[in-house]
Amino acid sequence: MIEAITGPETEQLDLVTVLSALADPVRLAYVQAIANARSWVPCGEVLKGSDITVGRSTLSHHLRVLREAGLTTTRVEGTRRFVSLRRDDLDARFPGLLDAVSAAPTPAKR
């Protein structure tokens, strides 16, 4: 069974909430990594290969913040979770935002 976990509807996306979610360096790096992957990525593997390490509960918190802000959507397949950016929704509401975020320097290790 495949289940989708989404955030607010497109018209409810709020710029302040989105920018607040992106203000954390770990979440910013997470969004940049997903943007570069351009497809569904296993939640625990997004930051592999980066200098950023976070615990599972902290990662879960960051994923929830990103999802509730409307930046990501999560797909559940059995016991696995995959994450993807809501690129179409974000581009419709805030044109150019994801391109600017993707082009920004990657945050340094915390």
Protein backbone atom coordinates (compact mmCIF):
# COMPACT_ATOMS: atom_id res chain seq x y z
CA MET A 1 0.00 0.00 0.00
CA ILE A 2 1.29 3.44 -0.95
CA GLU A 3 0.24 6.43 1.12
CA ALA A 4 1.04 10.10 0.56
CA ILE A 5 1.63 12.51 3.42
CA THR A 6 1.26 16.08 2.25
CA GLY A 7 1.14 19.56 3.73
CA PRO A 8 -1.04 22.55 2.96
CA GLU A 9 -2.86 23.05 -0.33
CA THR A 10 -1.04 25.14 -2.95
CA GLU A 11 -3.13 28.26 -2.36
CA GLN A 12 -2.43 27.99 1.39
CA LEU A 13 1.36 28.05 1.03
CA ASP A 14 2.71 30.99 3.01
CA LEU A 15 6.00 32.68 2.11
CA VAL A 16 6.93 33.46 5.72
CA THR A 17 6.38 29.83 6.74
CA VAL A 18 8.37 28.53 3.78
CA LEU A 19 11.28 30.91 4.43
CA SER A 20 11.19 30.09 8.13
CA ALA A 21 11.53 26.39 7.32
CA LEU A 22 14.46 27.15 5.01
CA ALA A 23 16.21 29.29 7.65
CA ASP A 24 17.65 26.21 9.36
CA PRO A 25 20.92 25.07 7.71
CA VAL A 26 20.04 21.37 7.96
CA ARG A 27 16.64 21.87 6.34
CA LEU A 28 18.16 24.09 3.66
CA ALA A 29 20.76 21.42 2.85
CA TYR A 30 18.00 18.81 2.79
CA VAL A 31 15.92 20.82 0.31
CA GLN A 32 18.98 21.47 -1.87
CA ALA A 33 19.81 17.76 -1.94
CA ILE A 34 16.25 16.81 -2.90
CA ALA A 35 16.20 19.54 -5.56
CA ASN A 36 19.38 18.14 -7.09
CA ALA A 37 18.02 14.58 -7.04
CA ARG A 38 14.83 15.69 -8.87
CA SER A 39 12.98 12.51 -7.91
CA TRP A 40 11.72 10.60 -4.89
CA VAL A 41 14.55 9.99 -2.42
CA PRO A 42 14.53 7.68 0.63
CA CYS A 43 14.21 10.00 3.66
CA GLY A 44 17.26 8.65 5.48
CA GLU A 45 19.50 8.86 2.42
CA VAL A 46 19.04 12.47 1.37
CA LEU A 47 22.05 13.82 3.29
CA LYS A 48 24.33 10.84 2.56
CA GLY A 49 27.63 12.05 1.24
CA SER A 50 27.29 15.44 2.92
CA ASP A 51 29.12 16.70 5.99
CA ILE A 52 25.84 17.09 7.86
CA THR A 53 24.83 14.40 10.33
CA VAL A 54 21.69 14.44 12.45
CA GLY A 55 20.00 11.87 14.66
CA ARG A 56 16.87 10.06 13.53
CA SER A 57 14.53 12.00 15.81
CA THR A 58 16.07 15.31 14.70
CA LEU A 59 15.74 14.30 11.06
CA SER A 60 12.12 13.36 11.66
CA HIS A 61 11.51 16.82 13.15
CA HIS A 62 13.14 18.55 10.16
CA LEU A 63 11.08 16.48 7.72
CA ARG A 64 7.88 17.39 9.55
CA VAL A 65 8.74 21.11 9.47
CA LEU A 66 9.46 20.96 5.73
CA ARG A 67 6.26 19.02 5.03
CA GLU A 68 4.06 21.29 7.17
CA ALA A 69 5.56 24.36 5.49
CA GLY A 70 4.55 22.86 2.13
CA LEU A 71 8.05 22.31 0.77
CA THR A 72 7.96 18.52 0.59
CA THR A 73 5.62 15.61 0.30
CA THR A 74 6.29 12.15 1.68
CA ARG A 75 5.35 8.82 0.12
CA VAL A 76 5.07 5.78 2.40
CA GLU A 77 5.63 2.33 0.90
CA GLY A 78 5.42 -0.32 3.59
CA THR A 79 8.07 0.62 6.14
CA ARG A 80 9.98 2.94 3.80
CA ARG A 81 9.44 6.66 3.35
CA PHE A 82 10.44 8.67 0.31
CA VAL A 83 10.49 12.45 0.05
CA SER A 84 10.12 14.82 -2.89
CA LEU A 85 9.86 18.57 -3.32
CA ARG A 86 6.52 20.08 -4.21
CA ARG A 87 8.25 21.89 -7.06
CA ASP A 88 5.17 22.54 -9.20
CA ASP A 89 3.19 23.92 -6.25
CA LEU A 90 6.06 26.09 -5.02
CA ASP A 91 6.88 27.38 -8.50
CA ALA A 92 3.22 28.28 -9.04
CA ARG A 93 3.01 30.15 -5.74
CA PHE A 94 6.56 31.59 -5.50
CA PRO A 95 8.19 31.61 -8.96
CA GLY A 96 11.97 31.24 -8.87
CA LEU A 97 12.22 30.47 -5.14
CA LEU A 98 13.39 26.86 -5.50
CA ASP A 99 15.83 27.80 -8.25
CA ALA A 100 17.37 30.43 -5.96
CA VAL A 101 17.50 28.01 -3.03
CA SER A 102 19.08 25.30 -5.20
CA ALA A 103 21.75 27.70 -6.46
CA ALA A 104 22.67 29.01 -2.99
CA PRO A 105 25.89 27.78 -1.37
CA THR A 106 25.42 24.59 0.66
CA PRO A 107 25.32 25.30 4.40
CA ALA A 108 28.43 24.41 6.42
CA LYS A 109 28.48 21.53 8.87
CA ARG A 110 26.84 22.29 12.19
